[in-house]
């Protein structure tokens, strides 16, 4: 996400993967970059997001239903730059 210029969109595959990124302190605000995270729900997710919002209030957190969980984490960075569309995509498959 550090290379993002305008926007970073991340869809986490599991709540555990999201929490791991929080513990590693990789989810941070960046000046002039919109960061939007889509995270699968579990029984502790509301509390987890509440704590994360205190540290990064500009980051947008969204929860999706646990039944839609996937094994794939998707990262899209800088989707639009002027009239040009630039896509940097990272797809990661997890076994957790």
Protein backbone atom coordinates (compact mmCIF):
# COMPACT_ATOMS: atom_id res chain seq x y z
CA UNK A 1 0.00 0.00 0.00
CA UNK A 2 2.95 2.32 0.43
CA UNK A 3 3.26 2.70 -3.35
CA UNK A 4 -0.37 3.81 -3.74
CA UNK A 5 -0.89 7.31 -5.06
CA UNK A 6 -4.68 7.65 -4.94
CA UNK A 7 -6.51 4.55 -3.74
CA UNK A 8 -5.96 1.11 -2.24
CA UNK A 9 -8.74 -1.47 -2.02
CA UNK A 10 -8.21 -4.69 -0.07
CA UNK A 11 -10.56 -7.65 0.33
CA UNK A 12 -9.34 -9.97 3.08
CA UNK A 13 -10.04 -13.68 2.82
CA UNK A 14 -10.39 -14.35 6.54
CA UNK A 15 -10.84 -12.41 9.78
CA UNK A 16 -7.61 -14.02 10.99
CA UNK A 17 -5.70 -12.60 8.00
CA UNK A 18 -7.02 -9.11 8.74
CA UNK A 19 -6.04 -9.38 12.41
CA UNK A 20 -2.59 -10.61 11.42
CA UNK A 21 -2.10 -7.46 9.30
CA UNK A 22 -3.22 -5.30 12.24
CA UNK A 23 -0.71 -6.99 14.54
CA UNK A 24 2.05 -6.47 11.98
CA UNK A 25 1.03 -2.79 11.86
CA UNK A 26 0.71 -2.77 8.06
CA UNK A 27 -2.68 -1.04 7.98
CA UNK A 28 -1.92 2.65 8.28
CA UNK A 29 -3.24 5.89 6.89
CA UNK A 30 -1.36 7.42 4.01
CA UNK A 31 -1.71 11.10 3.07
CA UNK A 32 -3.88 11.64 -0.02
CA UNK A 33 -4.62 7.91 -0.40
CA UNK A 34 -8.09 6.47 0.14
CA UNK A 35 -7.83 3.08 1.82
CA UNK A 36 -10.89 0.84 1.82
CA UNK A 37 -10.91 -2.58 3.46
CA UNK A 38 -13.48 -5.35 3.01
CA UNK A 39 -13.32 -7.90 5.81
CA UNK A 40 -15.31 -11.10 6.51
CA UNK A 41 -17.41 -11.02 9.65
CA UNK A 42 -16.97 -13.08 12.79
CA UNK A 43 -18.05 -12.70 16.41
CA UNK A 44 -15.17 -10.36 17.30
CA UNK A 45 -14.94 -8.25 14.13
CA UNK A 46 -16.93 -5.23 15.33
CA UNK A 47 -14.63 -4.83 18.33
CA UNK A 48 -11.52 -5.38 16.18
CA UNK A 49 -12.59 -2.71 13.69
CA UNK A 50 -13.45 -0.32 16.52
CA UNK A 51 -9.86 -0.54 17.80
CA UNK A 52 -8.43 -0.20 14.28
CA UNK A 53 -10.52 2.93 13.61
CA UNK A 54 -8.97 4.60 16.66
CA UNK A 55 -5.52 4.19 15.12
CA UNK A 56 -6.54 4.87 11.51
CA UNK A 57 -9.74 6.95 11.41
CA UNK A 58 -9.43 7.77 7.68
CA UNK A 59 -9.40 4.11 6.63
CA UNK A 60 -12.81 2.82 5.54
CA UNK A 61 -13.73 -0.57 6.99
CA UNK A 62 -16.57 -2.69 5.59
CA UNK A 63 -17.74 -6.10 6.76
CA UNK A 64 -19.09 -8.84 4.52
CA UNK A 65 -21.00 -11.95 5.56
CA UNK A 66 -18.97 -14.83 6.94
CA UNK A 67 -20.73 -17.19 4.51
CA UNK A 68 -19.00 -15.36 1.62
CA UNK A 69 -15.51 -16.09 2.97
CA UNK A 70 -12.95 -16.94 0.37
CA UNK A 71 -9.41 -18.29 0.36
CA UNK A 72 -8.31 -15.34 -1.73
CA UNK A 73 -7.07 -11.93 -0.54
CA UNK A 74 -7.26 -9.28 -3.25
CA UNK A 75 -5.40 -5.95 -3.28
CA UNK A 76 -6.10 -3.27 -5.92
CA UNK A 77 -3.97 -0.12 -5.90
CA UNK A 78 -4.41 3.13 -7.86
CA UNK A 79 -7.39 2.19 -9.97
CA UNK A 80 -7.63 5.50 -11.77
CA UNK A 81 -5.06 8.19 -12.49
CA UNK A 82 -6.43 11.01 -14.61
CA UNK A 83 -7.78 9.49 -17.82
CA UNK A 84 -5.59 6.43 -17.45
CA UNK A 85 -6.43 3.31 -15.53
CA UNK A 86 -3.47 1.79 -13.77
CA UNK A 87 -3.95 -1.47 -11.94
CA UNK A 88 -1.59 -3.08 -9.54
CA UNK A 89 -3.16 -6.29 -8.35
CA UNK A 90 -1.98 -8.75 -5.75
CA UNK A 91 -3.88 -11.98 -5.21
CA UNK A 92 -2.94 -14.25 -2.34
CA UNK A 93 -4.44 -17.68 -1.59
CA UNK A 94 -4.49 -18.78 2.04
CA UNK A 95 -5.18 -22.07 3.77
CA UNK A 96 -6.45 -20.51 7.00
